Amino acid sequence: MTLALLVFLISGTGGLFTSKITLITYFDNAEGIRTGQPVDLQGVAIGNVKSVKVVPGKPLSPVQVVMRVNRDFQQFIHTDSKATIETAGVLGESFVDIDSKDAKGAIVKDGTELQPGNAPGIQDVVRTSQTSLQNIDVLVKRADSILAEIQNGNGSLGKVIYDPAMVNKVNAILNQVQALLNDVNNGKGTIGKFFSDDSLYRKADSLVTKADQLVDEINKGHGSLGKLVKDDALYNNANQAIATGNKLLADLNAGHGAAGKLLKDEELSRKLQNIIEKLSSISDRLEAGEGSAGKLFKDPSLYNNTDQMLIETRNLVKAIRENPKKYLTIRFRVF
């Protein structure tokens, strides 16, 4: 007991030999604050409450709270700092917290009055907590109702737990799964062979080996693909082809050569356009049956005459073959 008293007397906040200053704040409600309770600065303990009493002449804030603060913290407290009564949790005790984050005024002196901050009272905290407690009570009741339904075997989950038929089905499914796993473990079926047959592993290993050999051959420049990757001549030929193509495009763009002139010579372009227009006109006249060529395409009598001539020619050739003496008689005359 004596040791505890000595520790309290020499401590930073309540020690007998620590220099302190007095600060005063007036509140509209004590909010459970009592003599001896802590005084904090931004959450750090710097002193204790010296007295709490109601004073006359202050109808809006009649509760006077006198605080004793360690002088070492005086430099951090300003005249425009706010003193607020806080509560350590819903059921914790009250304490005074001094807020100097936004304070710009002068440093406080002994007996300085600090303005009270706006903090919710314990009643406000309790009222707010009651809403949460009511919501929790509703959730608990709903959970109890759900558990009761499950216990009575209602709903899907209740049937799963309490319906013997459902349990039997689940057991049957589990037995089938176990049998499937046993078959797989014994190498039966496609999946079982996949896991237990060494030939699959050997084939995969052989495939990997062949792929590795193929990559080595390509890397050494062997074979068509290897030469394609490693042969510098192919690269040079490709560069030469690209250079030739670029020169050809440059010549075409400059109007050199027949193709270049075809692309760049406006006179040639006009001549080609003129020829195309004339060919289009001739095509239109042929289509309309004008001129000899048009009649050749459009006049049906020409087709009929030509067809008749072919028939007669064919008949003449047939007659000559059947009786050549009639048509191929040779006479000699001596003068």
C-alpha atoms as a PDB file:
ATOM      1  CA  MET A   1       0.000   0.000   0.000  1.00  0.00           C
ATOM      2  CA  THR A   2       2.796   2.403   0.888  1.00  0.00           C
ATOM      3  CA  LEU A   3       4.690   1.547  -2.315  1.00  0.00           C
ATOM      4  CA  ALA A   4       1.599   2.240  -4.425  1.00  0.00           C
ATOM      5  CA  LEU A   5       1.139   5.601  -2.724  1.00  0.00           C
ATOM      6  CA  LEU A   6       4.754   6.557  -3.387  1.00  0.00           C
ATOM      7  CA  VAL A   7       4.401   5.622  -7.052  1.00  0.00           C
ATOM      8  CA  PHE A   8       1.272   7.772  -7.339  1.00  0.00           C
ATOM      9  CA  LEU A   9       2.947  10.739  -5.657  1.00  0.00           C
ATOM     10  CA  ILE A  10       5.958  10.768  -7.974  1.00  0.00           C
ATOM     11  CA  SER A  11       4.040   9.882 -11.217  1.00  0.00           C
ATOM     12  CA  GLY A  12       3.777  12.320 -14.124  1.00  0.00           C
ATOM     13  CA  THR A  13       0.019  13.032 -13.804  1.00  0.00           C
ATOM     14  CA  GLY A  14      -0.739  12.920 -10.105  1.00  0.00           C
ATOM     15  CA  GLY A  15       2.629  13.184  -8.453  1.00  0.00           C
ATOM     16  CA  LEU A  16       3.056  15.446  -5.474  1.00  0.00           C
ATOM     17  CA  PHE A  17       6.318  16.894  -6.793  1.00  0.00           C
ATOM     18  CA  THR A  18       5.082  17.619 -10.368  1.00  0.00           C
ATOM     19  CA  SER A  19       4.494  21.289 -11.281  1.00  0.00           C
ATOM     20  CA  LYS A  20       0.953  21.840 -12.540  1.00  0.00           C
ATOM     21  CA  ILE A  21      -1.379  24.509 -13.844  1.00  0.00           C
ATOM     22  CA  THR A  22      -5.124  24.848 -13.411  1.00  0.00           C
ATOM     23  CA  LEU A  23      -7.536  24.949 -16.337  1.00  0.00           C
ATOM     24  CA  ILE A  24     -11.295  25.551 -16.066  1.00  0.00           C
ATOM     25  CA  THR A  25     -14.157  24.584 -18.365  1.00  0.00           C
ATOM     26  CA  TYR A  26     -17.918  25.043 -17.961  1.00  0.00           C
ATOM     27  CA  PHE A  27     -20.254  22.333 -19.274  1.00  0.00           C
ATOM     28  CA  ASP A  28     -24.034  22.120 -19.544  1.00  0.00           C
ATOM     29  CA  ASN A  29     -23.924  18.586 -18.079  1.00  0.00           C
ATOM     30  CA  ALA A  30     -21.312  16.738 -16.030  1.00  0.00           C
ATOM     31  CA  GLU A  31     -21.930  13.536 -18.063  1.00  0.00           C
ATOM     32  CA  GLY A  32     -20.666  11.365 -15.189  1.00  0.00           C
ATOM     33  CA  ILE A  33     -17.338  13.198 -14.705  1.00  0.00           C
ATOM     34  CA  ARG A  34     -16.043  13.102 -11.123  1.00  0.00           C
ATOM     35  CA  THR A  35     -13.080  14.328  -9.114  1.00  0.00           C
ATOM     36  CA  GLY A  36      -9.879  12.391  -9.836  1.00  0.00           C
ATOM     37  CA  GLN A  37     -10.825  11.181 -13.300  1.00  0.00           C
ATOM     38  CA  PRO A  38      -8.239  11.563 -16.089  1.00  0.00           C
ATOM     39  CA  VAL A  39      -7.578  14.576 -18.296  1.00  0.00           C
ATOM     40  CA  ASP A  40      -6.097  13.726 -21.731  1.00  0.00           C
ATOM     41  CA  LEU A  41      -4.510  15.753 -24.517  1.00  0.00           C
ATOM     42  CA  GLN A  42      -5.180  14.085 -27.874  1.00  0.00           C
ATOM     43  CA  GLY A  43      -5.523  10.768 -25.986  1.00  0.00           C
ATOM     44  CA  VAL A  44      -2.387  11.220 -23.830  1.00  0.00           C
ATOM     45  CA  ALA A  45      -2.879  11.471 -20.038  1.00  0.00           C
ATOM     46  CA  ILE A  46      -1.693  14.897 -18.808  1.00  0.00           C
ATOM     47  CA  GLY A  47      -3.590  15.437 -15.534  1.00  0.00           C
ATOM     48  CA  ASN A  48      -6.687  14.856 -13.436  1.00  0.00           C
ATOM     49  CA  VAL A  49     -10.007  16.501 -12.572  1.00  0.00           C
ATOM     50  CA  LYS A  50      -9.589  18.564  -9.385  1.00  0.00           C
ATOM     51  CA  SER A  51     -13.251  19.423  -8.765  1.00  0.00           C
ATOM     52  CA  VAL A  52     -16.731  19.262 -10.268  1.00  0.00           C
ATOM     53  CA  LYS A  53     -19.488  21.563  -9.050  1.00  0.00           C
ATOM     54  CA  VAL A  54     -22.494  23.620 -10.104  1.00  0.00           C
ATOM     55  CA  VAL A  55     -21.951  27.404  -9.955  1.00  0.00           C
ATOM     56  CA  PRO A  56     -24.479  30.278 -10.170  1.00  0.00           C
ATOM     57  CA  GLY A  57     -24.573  32.883 -12.922  1.00  0.00           C
ATOM     58  CA  LYS A  58     -24.149  30.442 -15.825  1.00  0.00           C
ATOM     59  CA  PRO A  59     -27.600  29.137 -16.699  1.00  0.00           C
ATOM     60  CA  LEU A  60     -26.507  27.542 -20.002  1.00  0.00           C
ATOM     61  CA  SER A  61     -23.338  25.874 -18.689  1.00  0.00           C
ATOM     62  CA  PRO A  62     -23.551  25.693 -14.886  1.00  0.00           C
ATOM     63  CA  VAL A  63     -21.173  22.727 -14.327  1.00  0.00           C
ATOM     64  CA  GLN A  64     -17.650  23.924 -13.500  1.00  0.00           C
ATOM     65  CA  VAL A  65     -14.869  21.404 -14.024  1.00  0.00           C
ATOM     66  CA  VAL A  66     -11.452  22.387 -12.647  1.00  0.00           C
ATOM     67  CA  MET A  67      -8.510  20.430 -14.070  1.00  0.00           C
ATOM     68  CA  ARG A  68      -4.921  20.174 -12.902  1.00  0.00           C
ATOM     69  CA  VAL A  69      -2.567  19.624 -15.870  1.00  0.00           C
ATOM     70  CA  ASN A  70       1.138  18.822 -15.883  1.00  0.00           C
ATOM     71  CA  ARG A  71       3.049  22.007 -16.753  1.00  0.00           C
ATOM     72  CA  ASP A  72       5.239  20.072 -19.184  1.00  0.00           C
ATOM     73  CA  PHE A  73       2.220  19.911 -21.533  1.00  0.00           C
ATOM     74  CA  GLN A  74       1.314  23.599 -21.184  1.00  0.00           C
ATOM     75  CA  GLN A  75       3.081  24.488 -24.464  1.00  0.00           C
ATOM     76  CA  PHE A  76       0.718  22.204 -26.406  1.00  0.00           C
ATOM     77  CA  ILE A  77      -2.511  23.752 -25.073  1.00  0.00           C
ATOM     78  CA  HIS A  78      -3.865  27.001 -26.560  1.00  0.00           C
ATOM     79  CA  THR A  79      -6.554  29.385 -25.454  1.00  0.00           C
ATOM     80  CA  ASP A  80      -8.817  28.214 -28.296  1.00  0.00           C
ATOM     81  CA  SER A  81      -8.381  24.493 -27.515  1.00  0.00           C
ATOM     82  CA  LYS A  82     -11.583  22.566 -26.788  1.00  0.00           C
ATOM     83  CA  ALA A  83     -12.265  20.481 -23.663  1.00  0.00           C
ATOM     84  CA  THR A  84     -14.746  17.659 -24.193  1.00  0.00           C
ATOM     85  CA  ILE A  85     -16.202  15.046 -21.835  1.00  0.00           C
ATOM     86  CA  GLU A  86     -15.668  11.661 -23.473  1.00  0.00           C
ATOM     87  CA  THR A  87     -16.680   8.154 -22.446  1.00  0.00           C
ATOM     88  CA  ALA A  88     -14.389   5.118 -22.693  1.00  0.00           C
ATOM     89  CA  GLY A  89     -16.844   2.903 -24.548  1.00  0.00           C
ATOM     90  CA  VAL A  90     -20.525   2.478 -23.811  1.00  0.00           C
ATOM     91  CA  LEU A  91     -20.003   1.309 -20.238  1.00  0.00           C
ATOM     92  CA  GLY A  92     -16.616   2.935 -19.559  1.00  0.00           C
ATOM     93  CA  GLU A  93     -15.985   5.853 -17.185  1.00  0.00           C
ATOM     94  CA  SER A  94     -15.943   9.483 -18.312  1.00  0.00           C
ATOM     95  CA  PHE A  95     -12.820  11.626 -18.776  1.00  0.00           C
ATOM     96  CA  VAL A  96     -11.916  15.070 -20.118  1.00  0.00           C
ATOM     97  CA  ASP A  97     -10.130  15.205 -23.479  1.00  0.00           C
ATOM     98  CA  ILE A  98      -8.474  18.441 -24.643  1.00  0.00           C
ATOM     99  CA  ASP A  99      -8.336  18.871 -28.420  1.00  0.00           C
ATOM    100  CA  SER A 100      -5.623  21.212 -29.796  1.00  0.00           C
ATOM    101  CA  LYS A 101      -5.405  19.975 -33.404  1.00  0.00           C
ATOM    102  CA  ASP A 102      -6.862  23.156 -34.924  1.00  0.00           C
ATOM    103  CA  ALA A 103      -5.925  25.562 -32.121  1.00  0.00           C
ATOM    104  CA  LYS A 104      -4.054  28.717 -33.202  1.00  0.00           C
ATOM    105  CA  GLY A 105      -4.340  30.927 -30.088  1.00  0.00           C
ATOM    106  CA  ALA A 106      -1.823  31.815 -27.401  1.00  0.00           C
ATOM    107  CA  ILE A 107      -0.421  29.305 -24.917  1.00  0.00           C
ATOM    108  CA  VAL A 108      -2.670  28.882 -21.853  1.00  0.00           C
ATOM    109  CA  LYS A 109      -1.736  30.217 -18.454  1.00  0.00           C
ATOM    110  CA  ASP A 110      -2.659  29.082 -14.966  1.00  0.00           C
ATOM    111  CA  GLY A 111      -6.434  29.566 -14.533  1.00  0.00           C
ATOM    112  CA  THR A 112      -7.244  29.838 -18.279  1.00  0.00           C
ATOM    113  CA  GLU A 113     -10.821  28.977 -19.198  1.00  0.00           C
ATOM    114  CA  LEU A 114     -11.183  26.549 -22.121  1.00  0.00           C
ATOM    115  CA  GLN A 115     -14.286  26.400 -24.247  1.00  0.00           C
ATOM    116  CA  PRO A 116     -16.290  23.160 -24.096  1.00  0.00           C
ATOM    117  CA  GLY A 117     -16.425  20.924 -27.153  1.00  0.00           C
ATOM    118  CA  ASN A 118     -19.537  19.326 -28.565  1.00  0.00           C
ATOM    119  CA  ALA A 119     -19.501  15.656 -27.680  1.00  0.00           C
ATOM    120  CA  PRO A 120     -22.449  13.297 -27.297  1.00  0.00           C
ATOM    121  CA  GLY A 121     -23.462  12.693 -23.724  1.00  0.00           C
ATOM    122  CA  ILE A 122     -23.750   9.300 -22.136  1.00  0.00           C
ATOM    123  CA  GLN A 123     -27.496   9.401 -22.697  1.00  0.00           C
ATOM    124  CA  ASP A 124     -26.970  10.050 -26.408  1.00  0.00           C
ATOM    125  CA  VAL A 125     -24.509   7.178 -26.567  1.00  0.00           C
ATOM    126  CA  VAL A 126     -26.939   4.890 -24.775  1.00  0.00           C
ATOM    127  CA  ARG A 127     -29.830   5.956 -27.011  1.00  0.00           C
ATOM    128  CA  THR A 128     -27.733   5.308 -30.095  1.00  0.00           C
ATOM    129  CA  SER A 129     -26.655   1.959 -28.726  1.00  0.00           C
ATOM    130  CA  GLN A 130     -30.250   0.981 -28.057  1.00  0.00           C
ATOM    131  CA  THR A 131     -30.978   1.046 -31.812  1.00  0.00           C
ATOM    132  CA  SER A 132     -28.081  -1.327 -32.438  1.00  0.00           C
ATOM    133  CA  LEU A 133     -29.233  -3.537 -29.572  1.00  0.00           C
ATOM    134  CA  GLN A 134     -32.739  -3.625 -31.021  1.00  0.00           C
ATOM    135  CA  ASN A 135     -31.365  -4.639 -34.430  1.00  0.00           C
ATOM    136  CA  ILE A 136     -29.266  -7.332 -32.765  1.00  0.00           C
ATOM    137  CA  ASP A 137     -32.359  -8.526 -30.892  1.00  0.00           C
ATOM    138  CA  VAL A 138     -34.265  -8.781 -34.204  1.00  0.00           C
ATOM    139  CA  LEU A 139     -31.410 -10.776 -35.743  1.00  0.00           C
ATOM    140  CA  VAL A 140     -31.269 -13.076 -32.744  1.00  0.00           C
ATOM    141  CA  LYS A 141     -35.014 -13.703 -32.954  1.00  0.00           C
ATOM    142  CA  ARG A 142     -34.779 -14.466 -36.663  1.00  0.00           C
ATOM    143  CA  ALA A 143     -31.857 -16.806 -36.087  1.00  0.00           C
ATOM    144  CA  ASP A 144     -33.824 -18.541 -33.313  1.00  0.00           C
ATOM    145  CA  SER A 145     -36.817 -18.926 -35.671  1.00  0.00           C
ATOM    146  CA  ILE A 146     -34.590 -20.394 -38.398  1.00  0.00           C
ATOM    147  CA  LEU A 147     -32.994 -22.816 -35.958  1.00  0.00           C
ATOM    148  CA  ALA A 148     -36.458 -23.843 -34.727  1.00  0.00           C
ATOM    149  CA  GLU A 149     -37.561 -24.561 -38.317  1.00  0.00           C
ATOM    150  CA  ILE A 150     -34.410 -26.582 -38.914  1.00  0.00           C
ATOM    151  CA  GLN A 151     -34.914 -28.490 -35.681  1.00  0.00           C
ATOM    152  CA  ASN A 152     -38.473 -29.323 -36.750  1.00  0.00           C
ATOM    153  CA  GLY A 153     -37.154 -30.696 -40.045  1.00  0.00           C
ATOM    154  CA  ASN A 154     -38.670 -27.936 -42.168  1.00  0.00           C
ATOM    155  CA  GLY A 155     -36.930 -26.459 -45.199  1.00  0.00           C
ATOM    156  CA  SER A 156     -34.097 -27.927 -47.246  1.00  0.00           C
ATOM    157  CA  LEU A 157     -31.540 -27.735 -44.443  1.00  0.00           C
ATOM    158  CA  GLY A 158     -33.941 -29.240 -41.927  1.00  0.00           C
ATOM    159  CA  LYS A 159     -34.696 -32.120 -44.289  1.00  0.00           C
ATOM    160  CA  VAL A 160     -31.007 -32.679 -44.905  1.00  0.00           C
ATOM    161  CA  ILE A 161     -30.396 -32.958 -41.169  1.00  0.00           C
ATOM    162  CA  TYR A 162     -33.521 -34.790 -39.988  1.00  0.00           C
ATOM    163  CA  ASP A 163     -35.062 -36.578 -43.027  1.00  0.00           C
ATOM    164  CA  PRO A 164     -33.840 -40.214 -43.012  1.00  0.00           C
ATOM    165  CA  ALA A 165     -34.470 -40.533 -46.772  1.00  0.00           C
ATOM    166  CA  MET A 166     -32.269 -37.522 -47.461  1.00  0.00           C
ATOM    167  CA  VAL A 167     -29.576 -38.911 -45.181  1.00  0.00           C
ATOM    168  CA  ASN A 168     -29.762 -42.240 -47.020  1.00  0.00           C
ATOM    169  CA  LYS A 169     -29.422 -40.453 -50.371  1.00  0.00           C
ATOM    170  CA  VAL A 170     -26.421 -38.525 -49.117  1.00  0.00           C
ATOM    171  CA  ASN A 171     -24.892 -41.756 -47.831  1.00  0.00           C
ATOM    172  CA  ALA A 172     -25.543 -43.445 -51.189  1.00  0.00           C
ATOM    173  CA  ILE A 173     -23.855 -40.579 -53.021  1.00  0.00           C
ATOM    174  CA  LEU A 174     -20.899 -40.735 -50.659  1.00  0.00           C
ATOM    175  CA  ASN A 175     -20.655 -44.489 -51.191  1.00  0.00           C
ATOM    176  CA  GLN A 176     -20.661 -44.000 -54.969  1.00  0.00           C
ATOM    177  CA  VAL A 177     -17.976 -41.349 -54.707  1.00  0.00           C
ATOM    178  CA  GLN A 178     -15.926 -43.643 -52.504  1.00  0.00           C
ATOM    179  CA  ALA A 179     -16.331 -46.498 -54.998  1.00  0.00           C
ATOM    180  CA  LEU A 180     -15.270 -44.171 -57.821  1.00  0.00           C
ATOM    181  CA  LEU A 181     -12.197 -43.143 -55.857  1.00  0.00           C
ATOM    182  CA  ASN A 182     -11.396 -46.787 -55.191  1.00  0.00           C
ATOM    183  CA  ASP A 183     -11.652 -47.565 -58.917  1.00  0.00           C
ATOM    184  CA  VAL A 184      -9.394 -44.649 -59.735  1.00  0.00           C
ATOM    185  CA  ASN A 185      -6.930 -45.773 -57.076  1.00  0.00           C
ATOM    186  CA  ASN A 186      -6.974 -49.294 -58.536  1.00  0.00           C
ATOM    187  CA  GLY A 187      -6.360 -48.046 -62.075  1.00  0.00           C
ATOM    188  CA  LYS A 188      -9.834 -48.852 -63.407  1.00  0.00           C
ATOM    189  CA  GLY A 189     -11.564 -46.740 -66.010  1.00  0.00           C
ATOM    190  CA  THR A 190     -10.135 -43.901 -68.074  1.00  0.00           C
ATOM    191  CA  ILE A 191      -9.321 -41.676 -65.100  1.00  0.00           C
ATOM    192  CA  GLY A 192      -7.809 -44.599 -63.219  1.00  0.00           C
ATOM    193  CA  LYS A 193      -5.565 -45.458 -66.159  1.00  0.00           C
ATOM    194  CA  PHE A 194      -4.627 -41.812 -66.448  1.00  0.00           C
ATOM    195  CA  PHE A 195      -3.288 -41.873 -62.899  1.00  0.00           C
ATOM    196  CA  SER A 196      -1.863 -45.392 -62.707  1.00  0.00           C
ATOM    197  CA  ASP A 197      -0.725 -46.352 -66.247  1.00  0.00           C
ATOM    198  CA  ASP A 198       2.989 -45.723 -66.675  1.00  0.00           C
ATOM    199  CA  SER A 199       2.703 -45.808 -70.478  1.00  0.00           C
ATOM    200  CA  LEU A 200       1.025 -42.393 -70.399  1.00  0.00           C
ATOM    201  CA  TYR A 201       3.961 -41.018 -68.463  1.00  0.00           C
ATOM    202  CA  ARG A 202       6.409 -42.660 -70.871  1.00  0.00           C
ATOM    203  CA  LYS A 203       4.571 -41.196 -73.883  1.00  0.00           C
ATOM    204  CA  ALA A 204       4.559 -37.756 -72.328  1.00  0.00           C
ATOM    205  CA  ASP A 205       8.246 -38.082 -71.460  1.00  0.00           C
ATOM    206  CA  SER A 206       9.025 -39.258 -75.012  1.00  0.00           C
ATOM    207  CA  LEU A 207       7.090 -36.336 -76.453  1.00  0.00           C
ATOM    208  CA  VAL A 208       8.984 -33.888 -74.285  1.00  0.00           C
ATOM    209  CA  THR A 209      12.276 -35.506 -75.293  1.00  0.00           C
ATOM    210  CA  LYS A 210      11.414 -35.261 -79.003  1.00  0.00           C
ATOM    211  CA  ALA A 211      10.380 -31.645 -78.599  1.00  0.00           C
ATOM    212  CA  ASP A 212      13.664 -30.921 -76.825  1.00  0.00           C
ATOM    213  CA  GLN A 213      15.620 -32.604 -79.643  1.00  0.00           C
ATOM    214  CA  LEU A 214      13.656 -30.651 -82.231  1.00  0.00           C
ATOM    215  CA  VAL A 215      14.468 -27.383 -80.478  1.00  0.00           C
ATOM    216  CA  ASP A 216      18.158 -28.386 -80.365  1.00  0.00           C
ATOM    217  CA  GLU A 217      18.148 -29.167 -84.113  1.00  0.00           C
ATOM    218  CA  ILE A 218      16.509 -25.835 -84.874  1.00  0.00           C
ATOM    219  CA  ASN A 219      18.986 -24.059 -82.607  1.00  0.00           C
ATOM    220  CA  LYS A 220      21.865 -25.733 -84.495  1.00  0.00           C
ATOM    221  CA  GLY A 221      20.444 -24.656 -87.862  1.00  0.00           C
ATOM    222  CA  HIS A 222      19.609 -28.160 -89.082  1.00  0.00           C
ATOM    223  CA  GLY A 223      16.656 -28.860 -91.347  1.00  0.00           C
ATOM    224  CA  SER A 224      14.470 -26.384 -93.219  1.00  0.00           C
ATOM    225  CA  LEU A 225      13.147 -24.700 -90.066  1.00  0.00           C
ATOM    226  CA  GLY A 226      16.632 -24.507 -88.581  1.00  0.00           C
ATOM    227  CA  LYS A 227      17.984 -22.886 -91.735  1.00  0.00           C
ATOM    228  CA  LEU A 228      15.052 -20.504 -91.710  1.00  0.00           C
ATOM    229  CA  VAL A 229      16.000 -19.439 -88.198  1.00  0.00           C
ATOM    230  CA  LYS A 230      19.815 -19.580 -88.418  1.00  0.00           C
ATOM    231  CA  ASP A 231      20.846 -19.049 -92.066  1.00  0.00           C
ATOM    232  CA  ASP A 232      22.176 -15.505 -92.553  1.00  0.00           C
ATOM    233  CA  ALA A 233      21.745 -15.813 -96.315  1.00  0.00           C
ATOM    234  CA  LEU A 234      17.992 -16.019 -95.880  1.00  0.00           C
ATOM    235  CA  TYR A 235      18.093 -12.891 -93.745  1.00  0.00           C
ATOM    236  CA  ASN A 236      20.263 -11.114 -96.360  1.00  0.00           C
ATOM    237  CA  ASN A 237      17.979 -12.221 -99.187  1.00  0.00           C
ATOM    238  CA  ALA A 238      14.978 -10.975 -97.277  1.00  0.00           C
ATOM    239  CA  ASN A 239      16.680  -7.627 -96.692  1.00  0.00           C
ATOM    240  CA  GLN A 240      17.676  -7.450-100.371  1.00  0.00           C
ATOM    241  CA  ALA A 241      14.110  -8.256-101.442  1.00  0.00           C
ATOM    242  CA  ILE A 242      12.773  -5.566 -99.134  1.00  0.00           C
ATOM    243  CA  ALA A 243      15.329  -3.069-100.470  1.00  0.00           C
ATOM    244  CA  THR A 244      14.420  -3.953-104.074  1.00  0.00           C
ATOM    245  CA  GLY A 245      10.745  -3.603-103.284  1.00  0.00           C
ATOM    246  CA  ASN A 246      11.341  -0.205-101.670  1.00  0.00           C
ATOM    247  CA  LYS A 247      13.327   0.952-104.759  1.00  0.00           C
ATOM    248  CA  LEU A 248      10.578  -0.291-107.059  1.00  0.00           C
ATOM    249  CA  LEU A 249       7.960   1.598-105.057  1.00  0.00           C
ATOM    250  CA  ALA A 250      10.163   4.699-105.119  1.00  0.00           C
ATOM    251  CA  ASP A 251      10.521   4.447-108.926  1.00  0.00           C
ATOM    252  CA  LEU A 252       6.788   3.983-109.316  1.00  0.00           C
ATOM    253  CA  ASN A 253       6.149   6.966-107.080  1.00  0.00           C
ATOM    254  CA  ALA A 254       8.659   9.027-109.128  1.00  0.00           C
ATOM    255  CA  GLY A 255       6.975   8.043-112.425  1.00  0.00           C
ATOM    256  CA  HIS A 256       9.915   6.047-113.795  1.00  0.00           C
ATOM    257  CA  GLY A 257       9.386   3.139-116.199  1.00  0.00           C
ATOM    258  CA  ALA A 258       6.194   2.019-117.935  1.00  0.00           C
ATOM    259  CA  ALA A 259       4.360   1.244-114.687  1.00  0.00           C
ATOM    260  CA  GLY A 260       5.517   4.526-113.173  1.00  0.00           C
ATOM    261  CA  LYS A 261       4.319   6.458-116.205  1.00  0.00           C
ATOM    262  CA  LEU A 262       1.062   4.532-116.044  1.00  0.00           C
ATOM    263  CA  LEU A 263       0.599   5.788-112.485  1.00  0.00           C
ATOM    264  CA  LYS A 264       1.963   9.325-112.906  1.00  0.00           C
ATOM    265  CA  ASP A 265       1.520  10.390-116.607  1.00  0.00           C
ATOM    266  CA  GLU A 266      -1.736  12.342-116.859  1.00  0.00           C
ATOM    267  CA  GLU A 267      -1.678  12.272-120.668  1.00  0.00           C
ATOM    268  CA  LEU A 268      -1.507   8.483-120.641  1.00  0.00           C
ATOM    269  CA  SER A 269      -4.284   8.409-118.104  1.00  0.00           C
ATOM    270  CA  ARG A 270      -6.470  10.554-120.379  1.00  0.00           C
ATOM    271  CA  LYS A 271      -5.681   8.276-123.360  1.00  0.00           C
ATOM    272  CA  LEU A 272      -6.634   5.196-121.354  1.00  0.00           C
ATOM    273  CA  GLN A 273      -9.811   6.917-120.265  1.00  0.00           C
ATOM    274  CA  ASN A 274     -10.597   7.767-123.900  1.00  0.00           C
ATOM    275  CA  ILE A 275      -9.968   4.157-124.995  1.00  0.00           C
ATOM    276  CA  ILE A 276     -12.181   2.860-122.205  1.00  0.00           C
ATOM    277  CA  GLU A 277     -14.964   5.256-123.223  1.00  0.00           C
ATOM    278  CA  LYS A 278     -14.688   4.159-126.904  1.00  0.00           C
ATOM    279  CA  LEU A 279     -14.759   0.486-125.915  1.00  0.00           C
ATOM    280  CA  SER A 280     -17.814   1.175-123.794  1.00  0.00           C
ATOM    281  CA  SER A 281     -19.488   2.910-126.774  1.00  0.00           C
ATOM    282  CA  ILE A 282     -18.656  -0.015-129.093  1.00  0.00           C
ATOM    283  CA  SER A 283     -20.001  -2.442-126.503  1.00  0.00           C
ATOM    284  CA  ASP A 284     -23.226  -0.467-126.277  1.00  0.00           C
ATOM    285  CA  ARG A 285     -23.569  -0.474-130.119  1.00  0.00           C
ATOM    286  CA  LEU A 286     -22.910  -4.211-130.260  1.00  0.00           C
ATOM    287  CA  GLU A 287     -25.498  -4.737-127.578  1.00  0.00           C
ATOM    288  CA  ALA A 288     -27.950  -2.629-129.590  1.00  0.00           C
ATOM    289  CA  GLY A 289     -27.236  -4.635-132.786  1.00  0.00           C
ATOM    290  CA  GLU A 290     -25.782  -1.715-134.762  1.00  0.00           C
ATOM    291  CA  GLY A 291     -23.240  -2.220-137.584  1.00  0.00           C
ATOM    292  CA  SER A 292     -21.999  -5.482-139.102  1.00  0.00           C
ATOM    293  CA  ALA A 293     -20.618  -6.823-135.843  1.00  0.00           C
ATOM    294  CA  GLY A 294     -23.825  -5.846-134.045  1.00  0.00           C
ATOM    295  CA  LYS A 295     -25.901  -7.678-136.624  1.00  0.00           C
ATOM    296  CA  LEU A 296     -23.566 -10.640-136.245  1.00  0.00           C
ATOM    297  CA  PHE A 297     -24.542 -10.774-132.571  1.00  0.00           C
ATOM    298  CA  LYS A 298     -28.192  -9.747-132.870  1.00  0.00           C
ATOM    299  CA  ASP A 299     -29.564 -10.717-136.376  1.00  0.00           C
ATOM    300  CA  PRO A 300     -31.185 -14.190-136.149  1.00  0.00           C
ATOM    301  CA  SER A 301     -31.207 -14.603-139.984  1.00  0.00           C
ATOM    302  CA  LEU A 302     -27.400 -14.702-140.000  1.00  0.00           C
ATOM    303  CA  TYR A 303     -27.499 -17.490-137.474  1.00  0.00           C
ATOM    304  CA  ASN A 304     -30.118 -19.346-139.498  1.00  0.00           C
ATOM    305  CA  ASN A 305     -28.155 -18.945-142.804  1.00  0.00           C
ATOM    306  CA  THR A 306     -24.953 -20.090-141.170  1.00  0.00           C
ATOM    307  CA  ASP A 307     -26.737 -23.059-139.666  1.00  0.00           C
ATOM    308  CA  GLN A 308     -28.310 -23.931-143.051  1.00  0.00           C
ATOM    309  CA  MET A 309     -24.902 -23.682-144.759  1.00  0.00           C
ATOM    310  CA  LEU A 310     -23.375 -26.039-142.223  1.00  0.00           C
ATOM    311  CA  ILE A 311     -26.191 -28.522-142.776  1.00  0.00           C
ATOM    312  CA  GLU A 312     -25.778 -28.427-146.550  1.00  0.00           C
ATOM    313  CA  THR A 313     -21.997 -28.752-146.277  1.00  0.00           C
ATOM    314  CA  ARG A 314     -22.401 -31.746-144.004  1.00  0.00           C
ATOM    315  CA  ASN A 315     -24.826 -33.362-146.500  1.00  0.00           C
ATOM    316  CA  LEU A 316     -22.401 -32.695-149.399  1.00  0.00           C
ATOM    317  CA  VAL A 317     -19.511 -34.312-147.550  1.00  0.00           C
ATOM    318  CA  LYS A 318     -21.720 -37.304-146.805  1.00  0.00           C
ATOM    319  CA  ALA A 319     -22.753 -37.656-150.450  1.00  0.00           C
ATOM    320  CA  ILE A 320     -19.129 -37.457-151.657  1.00  0.00           C
ATOM    321  CA  ARG A 321     -18.172 -40.212-149.233  1.00  0.00           C
ATOM    322  CA  GLU A 322     -21.031 -42.411-150.406  1.00  0.00           C
ATOM    323  CA  ASN A 323     -20.460 -41.885-154.194  1.00  0.00           C
ATOM    324  CA  PRO A 324     -17.070 -40.271-154.801  1.00  0.00           C
ATOM    325  CA  LYS A 325     -17.079 -41.119-158.565  1.00  0.00           C
ATOM    326  CA  LYS A 326     -20.060 -38.925-159.106  1.00  0.00           C
ATOM    327  CA  TYR A 327     -18.308 -35.853-157.772  1.00  0.00           C
ATOM    328  CA  LEU A 328     -14.613 -36.637-158.321  1.00  0.00           C
ATOM    329  CA  THR A 329     -14.467 -37.612-162.051  1.00  0.00           C
ATOM    330  CA  ILE A 330     -11.143 -36.796-163.805  1.00  0.00           C
ATOM    331  CA  ARG A 331     -11.108 -36.420-167.604  1.00  0.00           C
ATOM    332  CA  PHE A 332      -7.961 -36.364-169.801  1.00  0.00           C
ATOM    333  CA  ARG A 333      -8.027 -34.751-173.264  1.00  0.00           C
ATOM    334  CA  VAL A 334      -5.264 -35.158-175.891  1.00  0.00           C
ATOM    335  CA  PHE A 335      -4.765 -32.373-178.286  1.00  0.00           C
END
